[in-house]
Protein backbone atom coordinates (compact mmCIF):
# COMPACT_ATOMS: atom_id res chain seq x y z
CA MET A 1 0.01 0.32 0.46
CA HIS A 2 2.97 2.09 0.73
CA ILE A 3 4.72 1.21 -2.60
CA ILE A 4 1.30 2.26 -4.23
CA GLU A 5 0.92 6.00 -2.80
CA ARG A 6 4.55 6.42 -2.85
CA SER A 7 4.32 6.03 -6.64
CA ALA A 8 0.88 7.59 -6.86
CA SER A 9 3.05 10.66 -5.23
CA HIS A 10 5.83 10.90 -7.95
CA PHE A 11 3.56 10.05 -11.00
CA ASP A 12 2.72 13.05 -13.28
CA ALA A 13 0.21 12.01 -15.46
CA ARG A 14 0.77 14.64 -17.73
CA LEU A 15 4.27 12.82 -19.14
CA ILE A 16 2.56 9.31 -19.45
CA ILE A 17 -1.28 9.58 -19.90
CA GLY A 18 -1.09 13.20 -21.52
CA PRO A 19 0.71 12.46 -24.38
CA VAL A 20 -0.62 9.04 -24.96
CA GLN A 21 -4.41 10.16 -25.10
CA VAL A 22 -3.40 13.03 -27.56
CA SER A 23 -1.88 10.90 -29.80
CA GLY A 24 -4.78 8.23 -29.68
CA LEU A 25 -7.14 11.01 -30.77
CA LEU A 26 -4.77 11.86 -33.83
CA SER A 27 -4.65 8.25 -34.63
CA ALA A 28 -8.56 7.93 -34.53
CA ALA A 29 -8.48 11.11 -37.07
CA LEU A 30 -5.75 9.96 -39.21
CA PHE A 31 -7.62 6.30 -39.46
CA GLY A 32 -10.74 7.95 -40.71
CA CYS A 33 -9.17 9.53 -43.14
CA LEU A 34 -7.58 6.41 -44.46
CA SER A 35 -10.62 4.50 -44.18
CA CYS A 36 -12.77 6.93 -46.72
CA GLN A 37 -9.37 6.73 -48.98
CA SER A 38 -9.66 3.17 -49.03
CA TYR A 39 -13.02 3.24 -49.66
CA ILE A 40 -12.75 5.86 -52.43
CA TYR A 41 -9.80 3.79 -54.12
CA PHE A 42 -11.75 0.51 -54.20
CA ALA A 43 -14.79 2.21 -55.25
CA ARG A 44 -13.22 4.35 -58.54
CA CYS A 45 -10.00 2.12 -59.06
CA LYS A 46 -11.61 -1.36 -59.87
CA SER A 47 -9.46 -1.74 -62.81
CA ASP A 48 -6.22 -1.74 -61.02
CA HIS A 49 -3.39 -4.25 -60.88
CA LEU A 50 -4.58 -7.04 -58.27
CA ALA A 51 -0.55 -6.30 -56.49
CA LEU A 52 -1.87 -2.90 -56.14
CA LYS A 53 -5.05 -3.47 -54.10
CA ALA A 54 -3.47 -5.60 -52.33
CA VAL A 55 -0.64 -3.33 -51.05
CA VAL A 56 -3.67 -1.18 -50.26
CA PHE A 57 -5.47 -4.13 -48.35
CA ALA A 58 -2.14 -5.07 -46.48
CA VAL A 59 -1.81 -1.16 -45.15
CA PHE A 60 -5.23 -0.71 -44.05
CA PHE A 61 -5.27 -3.66 -42.19
CA ILE A 62 -2.28 -3.45 -40.52
CA GLN A 63 -3.49 -0.02 -39.30
CA LEU A 64 -6.64 -1.33 -38.50
CA GLY A 65 -4.21 -3.78 -36.08
CA HIS A 66 -2.29 -0.57 -34.77
CA PHE A 67 -5.49 1.29 -34.12
CA VAL A 68 -6.70 -1.24 -32.00
CA CYS A 69 -3.50 -1.49 -30.13
CA ILE A 70 -4.03 2.23 -29.69
CA LEU A 71 -7.63 1.79 -28.15
CA LEU A 72 -6.44 -0.91 -26.36
CA THR A 73 -3.42 1.24 -24.48
CA LEU A 74 -5.78 4.07 -23.93
CA TRP A 75 -8.35 1.70 -22.02
CA THR A 76 -5.37 0.04 -20.18
CA MET A 77 -3.66 3.93 -18.89
CA THR A 78 -7.25 5.32 -18.18
CA VAL A 79 -9.20 2.25 -16.86
CA SER A 80 -7.35 -0.51 -16.38
CA THR A 81 -4.69 1.26 -14.43
CA TYR A 82 -6.95 3.67 -12.59
CA GLY A 83 -5.58 3.93 -8.93
CA ASP A 84 -2.53 2.37 -9.44
CA PRO A 85 0.21 4.12 -11.22
CA SER A 86 3.16 2.01 -10.56
CA GLN A 87 1.37 -0.26 -13.39
CA LEU A 88 2.30 2.93 -16.03
CA GLN A 89 5.72 2.53 -15.11
CA VAL A 90 5.93 0.15 -18.73
CA LEU A 91 4.12 0.63 -21.18
CA PRO A 92 1.27 -2.04 -22.18
CA LEU A 93 1.71 -4.75 -24.14
CA ALA A 94 -0.43 -3.32 -26.77
CA ALA A 95 1.71 -0.23 -27.27
CA ASP A 96 4.60 -2.60 -27.78
CA ALA A 97 2.73 -4.25 -30.75
CA ALA A 98 1.90 -0.85 -32.10
CA ILE A 99 5.56 -0.20 -32.65
CA PRO A 100 6.17 -3.11 -35.51
CA LEU A 101 2.81 -2.50 -36.97
CA THR A 102 3.95 1.29 -37.52
CA ALA A 103 7.35 -0.05 -38.92
CA CYS A 104 5.66 -2.47 -41.46
CA THR A 105 3.40 0.18 -42.76
CA ALA A 106 6.19 2.48 -43.37
CA PHE A 107 8.04 -0.26 -45.10
CA ILE A 108 5.51 -1.43 -47.62
CA VAL A 109 4.62 2.40 -48.59
CA GLN A 110 8.21 3.45 -49.18
CA SER A 111 8.72 0.38 -50.79
CA PHE A 112 5.74 1.49 -53.34
CA TYR A 113 7.46 4.79 -53.61
CA ALA A 114 10.84 3.31 -54.83
CA PHE A 115 8.93 0.99 -57.26
CA ARG A 116 6.93 4.01 -58.80
CA LEU A 117 10.65 5.76 -58.92
CA TRP A 118 12.01 3.23 -61.30
CA ARG A 119 9.20 2.59 -63.15
CA LEU A 120 9.04 6.62 -63.97
CA SER A 121 13.31 6.66 -64.15
CA LYS A 122 13.76 3.28 -65.84
CA LYS A 123 17.04 3.59 -63.26
CA VAL A 124 17.48 1.16 -60.43
CA TYR A 125 20.08 3.29 -58.32
CA LEU A 126 17.82 5.55 -56.26
CA PRO A 127 15.39 3.20 -55.87
CA ILE A 128 17.89 0.64 -54.42
CA LEU A 129 19.24 3.37 -51.95
CA CYS A 130 15.80 4.27 -50.90
CA GLU A 131 14.84 0.75 -50.20
CA MET A 132 18.24 0.25 -48.17
CA ILE A 133 17.60 3.23 -46.61
CA SER A 134 14.10 2.42 -45.63
CA LEU A 135 15.73 -1.17 -44.35
CA VAL A 136 17.59 0.75 -41.80
CA ALA A 137 14.97 2.46 -40.25
CA GLY A 138 12.76 -0.63 -40.59
CA ILE A 139 15.31 -2.45 -38.82
CA SER A 140 15.84 0.15 -35.73
CA THR A 141 12.14 0.36 -35.42
CA LEU A 142 12.19 -3.57 -34.56
CA ILE A 143 15.26 -3.31 -32.04
CA ILE A 144 13.43 -0.80 -30.23
CA SER A 145 10.51 -2.54 -29.92
CA LEU A 146 12.14 -5.65 -28.98
CA ARG A 147 13.84 -3.75 -25.99
CA VAL A 148 10.64 -1.76 -25.21
CA PHE A 149 9.17 -5.28 -24.57
CA ASN A 150 12.23 -5.46 -21.94
CA MET A 151 11.75 -2.22 -20.74
CA THR A 152 11.31 -1.68 -16.54
CA ASN A 153 10.85 2.26 -16.60
CA ILE A 154 9.33 4.22 -19.00
CA VAL A 155 10.63 7.68 -16.84
CA SER A 156 14.12 6.60 -16.72
CA GLU A 157 14.56 4.61 -20.09
CA ASP A 158 16.29 6.62 -22.41
CA SER A 159 18.85 4.27 -24.26
CA GLN A 160 16.36 4.37 -27.08
CA THR A 161 17.11 7.82 -28.14
CA ILE A 162 19.58 6.79 -30.80
CA LEU A 163 17.77 4.18 -32.53
CA ILE A 164 14.64 6.57 -32.53
CA ALA A 165 16.82 9.40 -34.10
CA LEU A 166 18.26 6.88 -36.58
CA SER A 167 14.70 5.85 -37.96
CA LEU A 168 13.15 9.17 -37.84
CA MET A 169 16.24 10.54 -40.11
CA ALA A 170 16.11 7.68 -42.20
CA ARG A 171 12.56 7.64 -43.15
CA THR A 172 12.78 11.22 -43.49
CA VAL A 173 15.83 10.91 -45.96
CA CYS A 174 14.09 7.82 -48.19
CA ASP A 175 10.67 10.33 -48.40
CA VAL A 176 12.91 13.25 -49.27
CA ILE A 177 15.11 11.31 -52.03
CA ALA A 178 11.88 9.74 -53.47
CA THR A 179 9.66 12.55 -53.52
CA VAL A 180 12.46 14.70 -55.33
CA ALA A 181 13.47 11.79 -57.84
CA ILE A 182 9.54 11.28 -58.57
CA THR A 183 8.93 15.13 -59.06
CA TRP A 184 12.11 15.27 -61.09
CA SER A 185 10.89 12.52 -63.49
CA LEU A 186 7.55 14.08 -64.16
CA TYR A 187 8.89 17.41 -64.38
CA HIS A 188 10.93 15.80 -67.76
CA LYS A 189 8.04 14.30 -69.12
CA ARG A 190 6.10 17.41 -68.86
CA VAL A 191 6.86 18.65 -72.36
CA SER A 192 4.03 18.23 -74.25
CA ASN A 193 1.74 20.17 -76.88
CA ILE A 194 -1.23 18.79 -75.29
CA GLU A 195 -2.73 20.41 -72.35
CA SER A 196 -4.65 17.84 -70.90
CA THR A 197 -1.44 15.91 -70.44
CA THR A 198 0.13 18.91 -68.94
CA VAL A 199 -2.58 19.39 -66.26
CA LEU A 200 -2.28 15.47 -65.60
CA ILE A 201 1.02 15.45 -64.63
CA ASP A 202 1.26 18.93 -63.00
CA ARG A 203 -1.38 17.36 -60.85
CA LEU A 204 0.53 14.25 -60.21
CA ILE A 205 3.77 16.51 -59.53
CA TYR A 206 1.04 18.42 -56.65
CA TRP A 207 -0.01 14.72 -55.25
CA THR A 208 3.57 13.54 -55.08
CA VAL A 209 4.93 16.62 -53.11
CA GLU A 210 1.70 16.14 -50.87
CA THR A 211 2.21 12.60 -49.80
CA GLY A 212 5.52 12.64 -49.69
CA LEU A 213 7.75 15.83 -48.26
CA ALA A 214 4.40 17.38 -46.67
CA THR A 215 3.48 14.62 -44.51
CA ARG A 216 7.33 13.51 -43.63
CA TYR A 217 7.47 17.10 -42.35
CA SER A 218 4.82 16.58 -40.52
CA ALA A 219 5.67 13.53 -39.38
CA VAL A 220 9.25 15.05 -37.93
CA SER A 221 7.76 18.24 -36.66
C-alpha cells in the first residue's frame, strides 16, 4: 500500500497519459481518413492491378491492427490501471505491439514509392538506395520494439534515443529522395503539346509533393 502511494505521489500524468491520449485522438482521426481513402480507392479504381490492390489492403489492415493497439493502450492507461500509477512505469503490451506495425506500414509505403520511382526513371540506383535506407529504418524500429518489451521504466529509459533518431532520420531521407526524384522524373515528362497531358502531370507532381514531403515534415515536427 505504501509503495502504491509513493508511486502515486511521484506520478505525473501529463508525461505519460497525456501524450498517449493526444496521439490516440490523432490516430483515430487519421485512421478515419485512411478508411475514407480506401473506400474511395476501391470504389473508383476497380481496374487497378491486383498487386496494387493487395498493397492497399495490407496497409489498411495493418493500420487497423495499429488502431486497435492504440485503443487498448488508452483503455489500459485510463481505466485498467486507475488508482495504481505504478503499473504505468512500463508501456502496455498493446503499445509495444503497435511499434512493429508502424514499421511494417512505413516499409510497404516506401517500397511502393521506390517501385514507382523505378517505373518512371527506368533506373535502379535511387530505388535501391531508398529501399536500403527504408530497411535501415525498419530494422531500427524493430530493435526498438524488442527493447521496449524488456523495458522496466518508461520514464528513466533513455537508451532508445539514438535508435529513434536513426529511424526517423532514415525515413525522412528516404521520403525526401523518393519525392524529389519522382518529381524530377515527372517534370521531365511534362514536355507535351497537349494541354490535358500537362495538367495531368502537374497534378501528379502536386500529389507527389503532398503525400511525400508534406506528410514527412508533419511527422518529424
